[in-house]
């Protein structure tokens, strides 16, 4: 009998853990404040390469990765392309002020189901997080 597939839902009794990759410090701090107030554990990094390093760490048990698309060093798409090689089994959301339709399709091919425009209102973000984390893997 095969072992159960890893779940991307947080275990009962602990808040969902979120890793947020964003190059703009003010947006990282704003997201940290919004998600902390909503009851999430959040860690932020400045680009996709930092996110990749963090996701490779043995205790990187994140339930959700939120990444900006446009970042220096490694953009969101390059980061998402690397995820299948990692033990990360959480969900992925992408934020961007603009994404070319071809890039949008590439994210979808890689399994990203939620791509949100920037800016986003905090109430809309909180609703989307609940939906994404509750959805089946």
C-alpha atoms as a PDB file:
ATOM      1  CA  UNK A   1       0.000   0.000   0.000  1.00  0.00           C
ATOM      2  CA  UNK A   2       1.338   3.429  -0.956  1.00  0.00           C
ATOM      3  CA  UNK A   3       1.969   6.002   1.799  1.00  0.00           C
ATOM      4  CA  UNK A   4      -0.514   8.864   1.874  1.00  0.00           C
ATOM      5  CA  UNK A   5       0.338  11.831  -0.325  1.00  0.00           C
ATOM      6  CA  UNK A   6       1.802  14.735   1.622  1.00  0.00           C
ATOM      7  CA  UNK A   7      -0.811  17.309   2.506  1.00  0.00           C
ATOM      8  CA  UNK A   8      -0.416  21.004   1.830  1.00  0.00           C
ATOM      9  CA  UNK A   9      -2.873  21.817   4.603  1.00  0.00           C
ATOM     10  CA  UNK A  10      -1.419  22.780   7.968  1.00  0.00           C
ATOM     11  CA  UNK A  11      -1.722  20.218  10.743  1.00  0.00           C
ATOM     12  CA  UNK A  12      -4.530  20.851  13.189  1.00  0.00           C
ATOM     13  CA  UNK A  13      -3.523  23.122  16.026  1.00  0.00           C
ATOM     14  CA  UNK A  14      -0.910  25.219  14.289  1.00  0.00           C
ATOM     15  CA  UNK A  15      -1.252  28.263  12.052  1.00  0.00           C
ATOM     16  CA  UNK A  16      -0.422  27.982   8.371  1.00  0.00           C
ATOM     17  CA  UNK A  17       3.198  28.829   7.590  1.00  0.00           C
ATOM     18  CA  UNK A  18       3.769  31.191   4.663  1.00  0.00           C
ATOM     19  CA  UNK A  19       6.968  32.077   2.829  1.00  0.00           C
ATOM     20  CA  UNK A  20       6.695  35.377   0.923  1.00  0.00           C
ATOM     21  CA  UNK A  21       9.267  36.282  -1.755  1.00  0.00           C
ATOM     22  CA  UNK A  22       9.187  39.982  -2.657  1.00  0.00           C
ATOM     23  CA  UNK A  23      11.995  42.348  -3.578  1.00  0.00           C
ATOM     24  CA  UNK A  24      10.330  45.483  -2.200  1.00  0.00           C
ATOM     25  CA  UNK A  25      10.998  45.772   1.528  1.00  0.00           C
ATOM     26  CA  UNK A  26       7.903  47.889   2.223  1.00  0.00           C
ATOM     27  CA  UNK A  27       5.651  45.261   0.632  1.00  0.00           C
ATOM     28  CA  UNK A  28       7.359  42.495   2.616  1.00  0.00           C
ATOM     29  CA  UNK A  29       6.717  44.380   5.840  1.00  0.00           C
ATOM     30  CA  UNK A  30       3.114  45.148   4.891  1.00  0.00           C
ATOM     31  CA  UNK A  31       2.471  41.494   4.063  1.00  0.00           C
ATOM     32  CA  UNK A  32       4.115  40.415   7.322  1.00  0.00           C
ATOM     33  CA  UNK A  33       1.775  42.725   9.254  1.00  0.00           C
ATOM     34  CA  UNK A  34      -1.390  41.673   7.383  1.00  0.00           C
ATOM     35  CA  UNK A  35      -0.735  37.952   7.629  1.00  0.00           C
ATOM     36  CA  UNK A  36       0.481  38.049  11.229  1.00  0.00           C
ATOM     37  CA  UNK A  37      -2.713  39.859  12.260  1.00  0.00           C
ATOM     38  CA  UNK A  38      -4.726  37.215  10.375  1.00  0.00           C
ATOM     39  CA  UNK A  39      -3.075  34.454  12.417  1.00  0.00           C
ATOM     40  CA  UNK A  40      -0.510  33.135   9.938  1.00  0.00           C
ATOM     41  CA  UNK A  41       3.172  32.495  10.589  1.00  0.00           C
ATOM     42  CA  UNK A  42       5.057  34.381   7.883  1.00  0.00           C
ATOM     43  CA  UNK A  43       8.654  34.533   6.809  1.00  0.00           C
ATOM     44  CA  UNK A  44       9.827  36.894   4.078  1.00  0.00           C
ATOM     45  CA  UNK A  45      12.738  36.842   1.661  1.00  0.00           C
ATOM     46  CA  UNK A  46      13.946  39.392  -0.889  1.00  0.00           C
ATOM     47  CA  UNK A  47      14.072  37.277  -4.057  1.00  0.00           C
ATOM     48  CA  UNK A  48      13.506  33.876  -5.596  1.00  0.00           C
ATOM     49  CA  UNK A  49      17.041  32.661  -4.898  1.00  0.00           C
ATOM     50  CA  UNK A  50      16.599  33.348  -1.165  1.00  0.00           C
ATOM     51  CA  UNK A  51      13.235  31.571  -1.253  1.00  0.00           C
ATOM     52  CA  UNK A  52      14.827  28.573  -2.960  1.00  0.00           C
ATOM     53  CA  UNK A  53      17.592  28.431  -0.329  1.00  0.00           C
ATOM     54  CA  UNK A  54      14.999  28.643   2.449  1.00  0.00           C
ATOM     55  CA  UNK A  55      12.805  25.936   0.894  1.00  0.00           C
ATOM     56  CA  UNK A  56      15.819  23.600   0.666  1.00  0.00           C
ATOM     57  CA  UNK A  57      16.416  23.762   4.419  1.00  0.00           C
ATOM     58  CA  UNK A  58      15.457  20.606   6.332  1.00  0.00           C
ATOM     59  CA  UNK A  59      12.873  22.321   8.567  1.00  0.00           C
ATOM     60  CA  UNK A  60      11.245  24.439   5.853  1.00  0.00           C
ATOM     61  CA  UNK A  61       7.738  23.138   6.416  1.00  0.00           C
ATOM     62  CA  UNK A  62       5.824  25.929   4.686  1.00  0.00           C
ATOM     63  CA  UNK A  63       2.199  25.420   3.733  1.00  0.00           C
ATOM     64  CA  UNK A  64       2.184  28.219   1.181  1.00  0.00           C
ATOM     65  CA  UNK A  65       4.677  30.055  -0.987  1.00  0.00           C
ATOM     66  CA  UNK A  66       3.635  33.486  -2.197  1.00  0.00           C
ATOM     67  CA  UNK A  67       5.996  34.957  -4.746  1.00  0.00           C
ATOM     68  CA  UNK A  68       6.219  38.140  -6.708  1.00  0.00           C
ATOM     69  CA  UNK A  69       6.907  37.605 -10.383  1.00  0.00           C
ATOM     70  CA  UNK A  70       9.300  40.503 -11.052  1.00  0.00           C
ATOM     71  CA  UNK A  71      12.346  40.167  -8.775  1.00  0.00           C
ATOM     72  CA  UNK A  72      16.096  40.489  -9.248  1.00  0.00           C
ATOM     73  CA  UNK A  73      18.440  37.496  -9.005  1.00  0.00           C
ATOM     74  CA  UNK A  74      15.648  34.937  -9.600  1.00  0.00           C
ATOM     75  CA  UNK A  75      12.102  35.843 -10.630  1.00  0.00           C
ATOM     76  CA  UNK A  76       8.953  34.056  -9.512  1.00  0.00           C
ATOM     77  CA  UNK A  77       8.695  31.857 -12.600  1.00  0.00           C
ATOM     78  CA  UNK A  78      12.287  30.669 -12.252  1.00  0.00           C
ATOM     79  CA  UNK A  79      11.567  29.878  -8.596  1.00  0.00           C
ATOM     80  CA  UNK A  80       8.375  27.947  -9.356  1.00  0.00           C
ATOM     81  CA  UNK A  81      10.205  25.919 -12.026  1.00  0.00           C
ATOM     82  CA  UNK A  82      12.600  24.704  -9.301  1.00  0.00           C
ATOM     83  CA  UNK A  83       9.897  23.559  -6.871  1.00  0.00           C
ATOM     84  CA  UNK A  84       9.395  19.991  -8.203  1.00  0.00           C
ATOM     85  CA  UNK A  85      12.992  19.169  -7.245  1.00  0.00           C
ATOM     86  CA  UNK A  86      12.378  20.205  -3.629  1.00  0.00           C
ATOM     87  CA  UNK A  87      10.558  18.492  -0.769  1.00  0.00           C
ATOM     88  CA  UNK A  88       8.135  21.477  -0.669  1.00  0.00           C
ATOM     89  CA  UNK A  89       4.560  20.218  -1.078  1.00  0.00           C
ATOM     90  CA  UNK A  90       2.664  23.379  -0.215  1.00  0.00           C
ATOM     91  CA  UNK A  91       0.554  25.602  -2.398  1.00  0.00           C
ATOM     92  CA  UNK A  92       1.826  28.473  -4.526  1.00  0.00           C
ATOM     93  CA  UNK A  93       0.358  31.915  -5.186  1.00  0.00           C
ATOM     94  CA  UNK A  94       1.876  34.526  -7.479  1.00  0.00           C
ATOM     95  CA  UNK A  95       1.514  38.313  -7.170  1.00  0.00           C
ATOM     96  CA  UNK A  96       2.397  40.682  -9.939  1.00  0.00           C
ATOM     97  CA  UNK A  97       1.622  44.162 -11.179  1.00  0.00           C
ATOM     98  CA  UNK A  98       1.729  42.737 -14.704  1.00  0.00           C
ATOM     99  CA  UNK A  99       2.197  39.331 -16.284  1.00  0.00           C
ATOM    100  CA  UNK A 100       2.348  38.555 -19.970  1.00  0.00           C
ATOM    101  CA  UNK A 101      -0.345  36.010 -21.000  1.00  0.00           C
ATOM    102  CA  UNK A 102       2.347  33.516 -22.049  1.00  0.00           C
ATOM    103  CA  UNK A 103       3.986  33.766 -18.605  1.00  0.00           C
ATOM    104  CA  UNK A 104       0.571  33.347 -16.975  1.00  0.00           C
ATOM    105  CA  UNK A 105       0.084  30.125 -18.962  1.00  0.00           C
ATOM    106  CA  UNK A 106       3.532  28.899 -17.955  1.00  0.00           C
ATOM    107  CA  UNK A 107       2.666  29.365 -14.274  1.00  0.00           C
ATOM    108  CA  UNK A 108      -0.546  27.414 -14.822  1.00  0.00           C
ATOM    109  CA  UNK A 109       1.360  24.566 -16.516  1.00  0.00           C
ATOM    110  CA  UNK A 110       3.545  24.426 -13.413  1.00  0.00           C
ATOM    111  CA  UNK A 111       0.500  24.006 -11.180  1.00  0.00           C
ATOM    112  CA  UNK A 112      -0.013  27.567  -9.962  1.00  0.00           C
ATOM    113  CA  UNK A 113      -3.753  28.124  -9.712  1.00  0.00           C
ATOM    114  CA  UNK A 114      -3.825  31.594  -8.151  1.00  0.00           C
ATOM    115  CA  UNK A 115      -2.166  34.606  -9.763  1.00  0.00           C
ATOM    116  CA  UNK A 116      -3.226  37.854  -8.142  1.00  0.00           C
ATOM    117  CA  UNK A 117      -2.722  41.402  -9.364  1.00  0.00           C
ATOM    118  CA  UNK A 118      -0.892  43.992  -7.314  1.00  0.00           C
ATOM    119  CA  UNK A 119      -2.029  45.905  -5.451  1.00  0.00           C
ATOM    120  CA  UNK A 120      -4.493  43.725  -3.587  1.00  0.00           C
ATOM    121  CA  UNK A 121      -6.746  44.741  -0.737  1.00  0.00           C
ATOM    122  CA  UNK A 122      -6.001  42.988   2.579  1.00  0.00           C
ATOM    123  CA  UNK A 123      -9.556  41.591   2.873  1.00  0.00           C
ATOM    124  CA  UNK A 124      -9.318  40.058  -0.614  1.00  0.00           C
ATOM    125  CA  UNK A 125      -5.902  38.610   0.216  1.00  0.00           C
ATOM    126  CA  UNK A 126      -7.197  37.005   3.408  1.00  0.00           C
ATOM    127  CA  UNK A 127     -10.151  35.461   1.533  1.00  0.00           C
ATOM    128  CA  UNK A 128      -7.841  34.066  -1.150  1.00  0.00           C
ATOM    129  CA  UNK A 129      -5.495  32.586   1.443  1.00  0.00           C
ATOM    130  CA  UNK A 130      -8.343  30.740   3.135  1.00  0.00           C
ATOM    131  CA  UNK A 131      -9.523  29.376  -0.225  1.00  0.00           C
ATOM    132  CA  UNK A 132      -6.066  28.338  -1.397  1.00  0.00           C
ATOM    133  CA  UNK A 133      -5.114  26.622   1.843  1.00  0.00           C
ATOM    134  CA  UNK A 134      -8.469  24.814   2.069  1.00  0.00           C
ATOM    135  CA  UNK A 135      -8.337  23.542  -1.520  1.00  0.00           C
ATOM    136  CA  UNK A 136      -7.331  19.973  -2.199  1.00  0.00           C
ATOM    137  CA  UNK A 137      -3.679  19.522  -3.243  1.00  0.00           C
END
